[in-house]
Amino acid sequence: MFVFAKEYFHPFNPTPLKYKPLIMVGPSGVGKNTLRKAILQKYGGLFENKISHTTRSVKSVEKRKENYYFITREEFLKVNIDFGILVES
């Protein structure tokens, strides 16, 4: 799969640079975490993991600051308005 992606996207970005975002989205259970782990294992020098912010409640299997930054809706809106740093809102 990675060879295909590299060959397919090469014409669009022939000189890849570090620190360009790779954003994965999809419904729960589709395999985003599995793919993320595989990418980090194989291409760890090009990618790093970032922790998302969410306003939902913590699930019993999740750890704060490891799976998500859990914040209030007010904090979420303030960060997005004051700093404009969120990709999705």
PDB file of N, CA and C in Angstrom:
ATOM      1  N   MET A   1       0.826  -1.183   0.000  1.00  0.00           N
ATOM      2  CA  MET A   1       0.000   0.000   0.000  1.00  0.00           C
ATOM      3  C   MET A   1       0.878   1.259   0.000  1.00  0.00           C
ATOM      4  N   PHE A   2       1.948   1.271   0.794  1.00  0.00           N
ATOM      5  CA  PHE A   2       2.783   2.469   0.869  1.00  0.00           C
ATOM      6  C   PHE A   2       3.506   2.741  -0.442  1.00  0.00           C
ATOM      7  N   VAL A   3       3.930   1.674  -1.125  1.00  0.00           N
ATOM      8  CA  VAL A   3       4.606   1.854  -2.404  1.00  0.00           C
ATOM      9  C   VAL A   3       3.637   2.485  -3.393  1.00  0.00           C
ATOM     10  N   PHE A   4       2.411   1.986  -3.424  1.00  0.00           N
ATOM     11  CA  PHE A   4       1.404   2.555  -4.311  1.00  0.00           C
ATOM     12  C   PHE A   4       1.188   4.029  -4.006  1.00  0.00           C
ATOM     13  N   ALA A   5       1.015   4.373  -2.736  1.00  0.00           N
ATOM     14  CA  ALA A   5       0.771   5.768  -2.362  1.00  0.00           C
ATOM     15  C   ALA A   5       1.940   6.652  -2.766  1.00  0.00           C
ATOM     16  N   LYS A   6       3.158   6.183  -2.528  1.00  0.00           N
ATOM     17  CA  LYS A   6       4.341   6.969  -2.875  1.00  0.00           C
ATOM     18  C   LYS A   6       4.397   7.210  -4.388  1.00  0.00           C
ATOM     19  N   GLU A   7       4.175   6.150  -5.178  1.00  0.00           N
ATOM     20  CA  GLU A   7       4.214   6.286  -6.632  1.00  0.00           C
ATOM     21  C   GLU A   7       3.055   7.132  -7.146  1.00  0.00           C
ATOM     22  N   TYR A   8       1.885   6.981  -6.557  1.00  0.00           N
ATOM     23  CA  TYR A   8       0.707   7.722  -7.007  1.00  0.00           C
ATOM     24  C   TYR A   8       0.832   9.214  -6.723  1.00  0.00           C
ATOM     25  N   PHE A   9       1.298   9.568  -5.529  1.00  0.00           N
ATOM     26  CA  PHE A   9       1.342  10.974  -5.141  1.00  0.00           C
ATOM     27  C   PHE A   9       2.618  11.693  -5.563  1.00  0.00           C
ATOM     28  N   HIS A  10       3.623  10.979  -6.019  1.00  0.00           N
ATOM     29  CA  HIS A  10       4.886  11.600  -6.404  1.00  0.00           C
ATOM     30  C   HIS A  10       4.709  12.737  -7.423  1.00  0.00           C
ATOM     31  N   PRO A  11       3.889  12.580  -8.478  1.00  0.00           N
ATOM     32  CA  PRO A  11       3.737  13.681  -9.435  1.00  0.00           C
ATOM     33  C   PRO A  11       3.166  14.959  -8.805  1.00  0.00           C
ATOM     34  N   PHE A  12       2.392  14.814  -7.737  1.00  0.00           N
ATOM     35  CA  PHE A  12       1.801  15.969  -7.080  1.00  0.00           C
ATOM     36  C   PHE A  12       2.777  16.655  -6.130  1.00  0.00           C
ATOM     37  N   ASN A  13       3.753  15.912  -5.641  1.00  0.00           N
ATOM     38  CA  ASN A  13       4.702  16.438  -4.664  1.00  0.00           C
ATOM     39  C   ASN A  13       6.054  15.763  -4.879  1.00  0.00           C
ATOM     40  N   PRO A  14       6.755  16.105  -5.959  1.00  0.00           N
ATOM     41  CA  PRO A  14       8.004  15.401  -6.276  1.00  0.00           C
ATOM     42  C   PRO A  14       9.134  15.623  -5.281  1.00  0.00           C
ATOM     43  N   THR A  15       9.070  16.675  -4.489  1.00  0.00           N
ATOM     44  CA  THR A  15      10.107  16.920  -3.486  1.00  0.00           C
ATOM     45  C   THR A  15       9.452  17.024  -2.111  1.00  0.00           C
ATOM     46  N   PRO A  16       9.051  15.895  -1.538  1.00  0.00           N
ATOM     47  CA  PRO A  16       8.366  15.937  -0.242  1.00  0.00           C
ATOM     48  C   PRO A  16       9.250  16.513   0.851  1.00  0.00           C
ATOM     49  N   LEU A  17       8.653  17.297   1.686  1.00  0.00           N
ATOM     50  CA  LEU A  17       9.356  17.906   2.807  1.00  0.00           C
ATOM     51  C   LEU A  17       8.801  17.369   4.111  1.00  0.00           C
ATOM     52  N   LYS A  18       9.603  17.427   5.134  1.00  0.00           N
ATOM     53  CA  LYS A  18       9.118  17.065   6.462  1.00  0.00           C
ATOM     54  C   LYS A  18       8.062  18.070   6.912  1.00  0.00           C
ATOM     55  N   TYR A  19       7.258  17.623   7.801  1.00  0.00           N
ATOM     56  CA  TYR A  19       6.310  18.463   8.528  1.00  0.00           C
ATOM     57  C   TYR A  19       5.143  18.978   7.692  1.00  0.00           C
ATOM     58  N   LYS A  20       4.868  18.356   6.561  1.00  0.00           N
ATOM     59  CA  LYS A  20       3.629  18.650   5.865  1.00  0.00           C
ATOM     60  C   LYS A  20       2.567  17.769   6.511  1.00  0.00           C
ATOM     61  N   PRO A  21       1.373  18.296   6.737  1.00  0.00           N
ATOM     62  CA  PRO A  21       0.372  17.492   7.436  1.00  0.00           C
ATOM     63  C   PRO A  21      -0.190  16.364   6.570  1.00  0.00           C
ATOM     64  N   LEU A  22      -0.415  15.260   7.199  1.00  0.00           N
ATOM     65  CA  LEU A  22      -1.148  14.142   6.627  1.00  0.00           C
ATOM     66  C   LEU A  22      -2.320  13.933   7.561  1.00  0.00           C
ATOM     67  N   ILE A  23      -3.493  14.248   7.094  1.00  0.00           N
ATOM     68  CA  ILE A  23      -4.677  14.201   7.943  1.00  0.00           C
ATOM     69  C   ILE A  23      -5.529  13.019   7.516  1.00  0.00           C
ATOM     70  N   MET A  24      -5.812  12.138   8.463  1.00  0.00           N
ATOM     71  CA  MET A  24      -6.634  10.969   8.187  1.00  0.00           C
ATOM     72  C   MET A  24      -7.985  11.154   8.862  1.00  0.00           C
ATOM     73  N   VAL A  25      -9.026  10.947   8.104  1.00  0.00           N
ATOM     74  CA  VAL A  25     -10.378  11.034   8.644  1.00  0.00           C
ATOM     75  C   VAL A  25     -11.157   9.800   8.203  1.00  0.00           C
ATOM     76  N   GLY A  26     -12.129   9.446   8.980  1.00  0.00           N
ATOM     77  CA  GLY A  26     -12.971   8.309   8.645  1.00  0.00           C
ATOM     78  C   GLY A  26     -13.822   7.938   9.840  1.00  0.00           C
ATOM     79  N   PRO A  27     -14.833   7.136   9.603  1.00  0.00           N
ATOM     80  CA  PRO A  27     -15.718   6.734  10.699  1.00  0.00           C
ATOM     81  C   PRO A  27     -14.998   5.810  11.683  1.00  0.00           C
ATOM     82  N   SER A  28     -15.566   5.677  12.842  1.00  0.00           N
ATOM     83  CA  SER A  28     -15.003   4.797  13.872  1.00  0.00           C
ATOM     84  C   SER A  28     -14.872   3.379  13.339  1.00  0.00           C
ATOM     85  N   GLY A  29     -13.746   2.746  13.670  1.00  0.00           N
ATOM     86  CA  GLY A  29     -13.554   1.354  13.320  1.00  0.00           C
ATOM     87  C   GLY A  29     -13.061   1.086  11.912  1.00  0.00           C
ATOM     88  N   VAL A  30     -12.752   2.127  11.152  1.00  0.00           N
ATOM     89  CA  VAL A  30     -12.340   1.930   9.764  1.00  0.00           C
ATOM     90  C   VAL A  30     -10.857   1.581   9.641  1.00  0.00           C
ATOM     91  N   GLY A  31     -10.069   1.839  10.691  1.00  0.00           N
ATOM     92  CA  GLY A  31      -8.660   1.477  10.685  1.00  0.00           C
ATOM     93  C   GLY A  31      -7.694   2.644  10.662  1.00  0.00           C
ATOM     94  N   LYS A  32      -8.155   3.828  11.045  1.00  0.00           N
ATOM     95  CA  LYS A  32      -7.277   5.013  11.059  1.00  0.00           C
ATOM     96  C   LYS A  32      -6.088   4.807  11.990  1.00  0.00           C
ATOM     97  N   ASN A  33      -6.341   4.276  13.163  1.00  0.00           N
ATOM     98  CA  ASN A  33      -5.266   4.089  14.138  1.00  0.00           C
ATOM     99  C   ASN A  33      -4.262   3.040  13.661  1.00  0.00           C
ATOM    100  N   THR A  34      -4.744   1.971  13.058  1.00  0.00           N
ATOM    101  CA  THR A  34      -3.863   0.935  12.514  1.00  0.00           C
ATOM    102  C   THR A  34      -2.983   1.515  11.420  1.00  0.00           C
ATOM    103  N   LEU A  35      -3.574   2.289  10.524  1.00  0.00           N
ATOM    104  CA  LEU A  35      -2.818   2.922   9.447  1.00  0.00           C
ATOM    105  C   LEU A  35      -1.814   3.931  10.002  1.00  0.00           C
ATOM    106  N   ARG A  36      -2.233   4.722  10.985  1.00  0.00           N
ATOM    107  CA  ARG A  36      -1.342   5.706  11.609  1.00  0.00           C
ATOM    108  C   ARG A  36      -0.115   5.028  12.206  1.00  0.00           C
ATOM    109  N   LYS A  37      -0.338   3.950  12.933  1.00  0.00           N
ATOM    110  CA  LYS A  37       0.778   3.228  13.551  1.00  0.00           C
ATOM    111  C   LYS A  37       1.728   2.667  12.496  1.00  0.00           C
ATOM    112  N   ALA A  38       1.173   2.125  11.412  1.00  0.00           N
ATOM    113  CA  ALA A  38       2.006   1.558  10.346  1.00  0.00           C
ATOM    114  C   ALA A  38       2.829   2.647   9.658  1.00  0.00           C
ATOM    115  N   ILE A  39       2.223   3.797   9.418  1.00  0.00           N
ATOM    116  CA  ILE A  39       2.933   4.915   8.784  1.00  0.00           C
ATOM    117  C   ILE A  39       4.055   5.409   9.688  1.00  0.00           C
ATOM    118  N   LEU A  40       3.773   5.568  10.969  1.00  0.00           N
ATOM    119  CA  LEU A  40       4.801   6.033  11.902  1.00  0.00           C
ATOM    120  C   LEU A  40       5.941   5.033  12.029  1.00  0.00           C
ATOM    121  N   GLN A  41       5.606   3.750  11.986  1.00  0.00           N
ATOM    122  CA  GLN A  41       6.652   2.727  12.090  1.00  0.00           C
ATOM    123  C   GLN A  41       7.539   2.744  10.850  1.00  0.00           C
ATOM    124  N   LYS A  42       6.947   2.867   9.676  1.00  0.00           N
ATOM    125  CA  LYS A  42       7.715   2.791   8.438  1.00  0.00           C
ATOM    126  C   LYS A  42       8.346   4.127   8.055  1.00  0.00           C
ATOM    127  N   TYR A  43       7.645   5.237   8.309  1.00  0.00           N
ATOM    128  CA  TYR A  43       8.111   6.554   7.873  1.00  0.00           C
ATOM    129  C   TYR A  43       8.222   7.522   9.047  1.00  0.00           C
ATOM    130  N   GLY A  44       8.684   7.042  10.187  1.00  0.00           N
ATOM    131  CA  GLY A  44       8.763   7.870  11.387  1.00  0.00           C
ATOM    132  C   GLY A  44       9.584   9.134  11.222  1.00  0.00           C
ATOM    133  N   GLY A  45      10.538   9.136  10.297  1.00  0.00           N
ATOM    134  CA  GLY A  45      11.347  10.327  10.078  1.00  0.00           C
ATOM    135  C   GLY A  45      10.620  11.427   9.332  1.00  0.00           C
ATOM    136  N   LEU A  46       9.524  11.069   8.670  1.00  0.00           N
ATOM    137  CA  LEU A  46       8.763  12.061   7.905  1.00  0.00           C
ATOM    138  C   LEU A  46       7.512  12.536   8.634  1.00  0.00           C
ATOM    139  N   PHE A  47       7.019  11.713   9.540  1.00  0.00           N
ATOM    140  CA  PHE A  47       5.756  12.030  10.216  1.00  0.00           C
ATOM    141  C   PHE A  47       5.930  11.958  11.725  1.00  0.00           C
ATOM    142  N   GLU A  48       5.066  12.656  12.401  1.00  0.00           N
ATOM    143  CA  GLU A  48       4.985  12.525  13.855  1.00  0.00           C
ATOM    144  C   GLU A  48       3.516  12.567  14.222  1.00  0.00           C
ATOM    145  N   ASN A  49       3.190  11.999  15.350  1.00  0.00           N
ATOM    146  CA  ASN A  49       1.812  11.932  15.785  1.00  0.00           C
ATOM    147  C   ASN A  49       1.429  13.205  16.537  1.00  0.00           C
ATOM    148  N   LYS A  50       0.293  13.723  16.254  1.00  0.00           N
ATOM    149  CA  LYS A  50      -0.256  14.860  16.988  1.00  0.00           C
ATOM    150  C   LYS A  50      -1.505  14.395  17.715  1.00  0.00           C
ATOM    151  N   ILE A  51      -1.775  14.985  18.837  1.00  0.00           N
ATOM    152  CA  ILE A  51      -2.937  14.613  19.633  1.00  0.00           C
ATOM    153  C   ILE A  51      -4.059  15.601  19.354  1.00  0.00           C
ATOM    154  N   SER A  52      -5.223  15.067  19.019  1.00  0.00           N
ATOM    155  CA  SER A  52      -6.382  15.901  18.695  1.00  0.00           C
ATOM    156  C   SER A  52      -7.049  16.448  19.949  1.00  0.00           C
ATOM    157  N   HIS A  53      -7.753  17.546  19.772  1.00  0.00           N
ATOM    158  CA  HIS A  53      -8.601  18.106  20.825  1.00  0.00           C
ATOM    159  C   HIS A  53     -10.031  17.658  20.550  1.00  0.00           C
ATOM    160  N   THR A  54     -10.788  17.392  21.610  1.00  0.00           N
ATOM    161  CA  THR A  54     -12.190  17.029  21.454  1.00  0.00           C
ATOM    162  C   THR A  54     -12.997  17.567  22.624  1.00  0.00           C
ATOM    163  N   THR A  55     -14.267  17.800  22.361  1.00  0.00           N
ATOM    164  CA  THR A  55     -15.162  18.278  23.423  1.00  0.00           C
ATOM    165  C   THR A  55     -16.040  17.150  23.964  1.00  0.00           C
ATOM    166  N   ARG A  56     -15.890  15.965  23.439  1.00  0.00           N
ATOM    167  CA  ARG A  56     -16.704  14.851  23.933  1.00  0.00           C
ATOM    168  C   ARG A  56     -16.142  14.311  25.246  1.00  0.00           C
ATOM    169  N   SER A  57     -16.921  13.461  25.882  1.00  0.00           N
ATOM    170  CA  SER A  57     -16.506  12.865  27.156  1.00  0.00           C
ATOM    171  C   SER A  57     -15.413  11.827  26.936  1.00  0.00           C
ATOM    172  N   VAL A  58     -14.636  11.602  27.974  1.00  0.00           N
ATOM    173  CA  VAL A  58     -13.568  10.610  27.933  1.00  0.00           C
ATOM    174  C   VAL A  58     -14.184   9.215  27.988  1.00  0.00           C
ATOM    175  N   LYS A  59     -13.755   8.327  27.080  1.00  0.00           N
ATOM    176  CA  LYS A  59     -14.183   6.928  27.128  1.00  0.00           C
ATOM    177  C   LYS A  59     -13.317   6.195  28.143  1.00  0.00           C
ATOM    178  N   SER A  60     -13.823   5.099  28.676  1.00  0.00           N
ATOM    179  CA  SER A  60     -13.123   4.386  29.754  1.00  0.00           C
ATOM    180  C   SER A  60     -11.748   3.863  29.336  1.00  0.00           C
ATOM    181  N   VAL A  61     -11.531   3.612  28.054  1.00  0.00           N
ATOM    182  CA  VAL A  61     -10.245   3.065  27.588  1.00  0.00           C
ATOM    183  C   VAL A  61      -9.258   4.145  27.171  1.00  0.00           C
ATOM    184  N   GLU A  62      -9.652   5.407  27.280  1.00  0.00           N
ATOM    185  CA  GLU A  62      -8.795   6.508  26.823  1.00  0.00           C
ATOM    186  C   GLU A  62      -8.051   7.164  27.977  1.00  0.00           C
ATOM    187  N   LYS A  63      -6.901   7.731  27.627  1.00  0.00           N
ATOM    188  CA  LYS A  63      -6.097   8.451  28.605  1.00  0.00           C
ATOM    189  C   LYS A  63      -5.975   9.899  28.150  1.00  0.00           C
ATOM    190  N   ARG A  64      -6.146  10.805  29.091  1.00  0.00           N
ATOM    191  CA  ARG A  64      -5.989  12.232  28.788  1.00  0.00           C
ATOM    192  C   ARG A  64      -4.561  12.510  28.336  1.00  0.00           C
ATOM    193  N   LYS A  65      -4.421  13.392  27.377  1.00  0.00           N
ATOM    194  CA  LYS A  65      -3.141  13.828  26.816  1.00  0.00           C
ATOM    195  C   LYS A  65      -2.380  12.702  26.116  1.00  0.00           C
ATOM    196  N   GLU A  66      -3.011  11.543  25.960  1.00  0.00           N
ATOM    197  CA  GLU A  66      -2.393  10.464  25.187  1.00  0.00           C
ATOM    198  C   GLU A  66      -3.251  10.174  23.960  1.00  0.00           C
ATOM    199  N   ASN A  67      -4.566  10.051  24.179  1.00  0.00           N
ATOM    200  CA  ASN A  67      -5.471   9.816  23.063  1.00  0.00           C
ATOM    201  C   ASN A  67      -6.042  11.124  22.523  1.00  0.00           C
ATOM    202  N   TYR A  68      -6.449  11.994  23.420  1.00  0.00           N
ATOM    203  CA  TYR A  68      -7.031  13.290  23.061  1.00  0.00           C
ATOM    204  C   TYR A  68      -6.733  14.306  24.148  1.00  0.00           C
ATOM    205  N   TYR A  69      -6.815  15.578  23.787  1.00  0.00           N
ATOM    206  CA  TYR A  69      -6.904  16.639  24.774  1.00  0.00           C
ATOM    207  C   TYR A  69      -8.394  16.902  24.936  1.00  0.00           C
ATOM    208  N   PHE A  70      -8.934  16.617  26.095  1.00  0.00           N
ATOM    209  CA  PHE A  70     -10.352  16.802  26.348  1.00  0.00           C
ATOM    210  C   PHE A  70     -10.569  18.196  26.909  1.00  0.00           C
ATOM    211  N   ILE A  71     -11.314  19.012  26.171  1.00  0.00           N
ATOM    212  CA  ILE A  71     -11.557  20.397  26.570  1.00  0.00           C
ATOM    213  C   ILE A  71     -13.041  20.702  26.444  1.00  0.00           C
ATOM    214  N   THR A  72     -13.444  21.797  27.063  1.00  0.00           N
ATOM    215  CA  THR A  72     -14.845  22.206  26.969  1.00  0.00           C
ATOM    216  C   THR A  72     -15.106  22.844  25.600  1.00  0.00           C
ATOM    217  N   ARG A  73     -16.364  22.936  25.255  1.00  0.00           N
ATOM    218  CA  ARG A  73     -16.737  23.576  23.978  1.00  0.00           C
ATOM    219  C   ARG A  73     -16.273  25.029  23.971  1.00  0.00           C
ATOM    220  N   GLU A  74     -16.381  25.702  25.100  1.00  0.00           N
ATOM    221  CA  GLU A  74     -15.949  27.094  25.194  1.00  0.00           C
ATOM    222  C   GLU A  74     -14.447  27.219  24.938  1.00  0.00           C
ATOM    223  N   GLU A  75     -13.661  26.316  25.513  1.00  0.00           N
ATOM    224  CA  GLU A  75     -12.214  26.321  25.278  1.00  0.00           C
ATOM    225  C   GLU A  75     -11.901  26.057  23.807  1.00  0.00           C
ATOM    226  N   PHE A  76     -12.637  25.130  23.221  1.00  0.00           N
ATOM    227  CA  PHE A  76     -12.449  24.777  21.813  1.00  0.00           C
ATOM    228  C   PHE A  76     -12.695  25.993  20.916  1.00  0.00           C
ATOM    229  N   LEU A  77     -13.793  26.680  21.152  1.00  0.00           N
ATOM    230  CA  LEU A  77     -14.121  27.864  20.349  1.00  0.00           C
ATOM    231  C   LEU A  77     -13.102  28.973  20.568  1.00  0.00           C
ATOM    232  N   LYS A  78     -12.654  29.151  21.797  1.00  0.00           N
ATOM    233  CA  LYS A  78     -11.673  30.197  22.100  1.00  0.00           C
ATOM    234  C   LYS A  78     -10.351  29.937  21.372  1.00  0.00           C
ATOM    235  N   VAL A  79      -9.878  28.696  21.411  1.00  0.00           N
ATOM    236  CA  VAL A  79      -8.624  28.352  20.725  1.00  0.00           C
ATOM    237  C   VAL A  79      -8.767  28.617  19.230  1.00  0.00           C
ATOM    238  N   ASN A  80      -9.881  28.229  18.653  1.00  0.00           N
ATOM    239  CA  ASN A  80     -10.070  28.392  17.215  1.00  0.00           C
ATOM    240  C   ASN A  80     -10.218  29.860  16.831  1.00  0.00           C
ATOM    241  N   ILE A  81     -10.917  30.625  17.610  1.00  0.00           N
ATOM    242  CA  ILE A  81     -11.120  32.050  17.302  1.00  0.00           C
ATOM    243  C   ILE A  81      -9.855  32.858  17.585  1.00  0.00           C
ATOM    244  N   ASP A  82      -9.256  32.650  18.757  1.00  0.00           N
ATOM    245  CA  ASP A  82      -8.082  33.445  19.150  1.00  0.00           C
ATOM    246  C   ASP A  82      -6.838  33.124  18.339  1.00  0.00           C
ATOM    247  N   PHE A  83      -6.657  31.857  18.026  1.00  0.00           N
ATOM    248  CA  PHE A  83      -5.405  31.454  17.369  1.00  0.00           C
ATOM    249  C   PHE A  83      -5.587  30.952  15.943  1.00  0.00           C
ATOM    250  N   GLY A  84      -6.808  30.528  15.586  1.00  0.00           N
ATOM    251  CA  GLY A  84      -7.066  30.029  14.245  1.00  0.00           C
ATOM    252  C   GLY A  84      -6.183  28.857  13.859  1.00  0.00           C
ATOM    253  N   ILE A  85      -5.906  27.977  14.817  1.00  0.00           N
ATOM    254  CA  ILE A  85      -4.951  26.910  14.560  1.00  0.00           C
ATOM    255  C   ILE A  85      -5.584  25.554  14.313  1.00  0.00           C
ATOM    256  N   LEU A  86      -6.883  25.443  14.417  1.00  0.00           N
ATOM    257  CA  LEU A  86      -7.520  24.142  14.265  1.00  0.00           C
ATOM    258  C   LEU A  86      -7.823  23.859  12.797  1.00  0.00           C
ATOM    259  N   VAL A  87      -7.567  22.632  12.401  1.00  0.00           N
ATOM    260  CA  VAL A  87      -7.835  22.230  11.023  1.00  0.00           C
ATOM    261  C   VAL A  87      -9.321  22.045  10.815  1.00  0.00           C
ATOM    262  N   GLU A  88      -9.999  21.513  11.803  1.00  0.00           N
ATOM    263  CA  GLU A  88     -11.409  21.209  11.698  1.00  0.00           C
ATOM    264  C   GLU A  88     -12.103  21.809  12.909  1.00  0.00           C
ATOM    265  N   SER A  89     -13.268  22.383  12.695  1.00  0.00           N
ATOM    266  CA  SER A  89     -14.005  22.922  13.837  1.00  0.00           C
ATOM    267  C   SER A  89     -15.482  22.705  13.671  1.00  0.00           C
TER     268      SER A  89
END
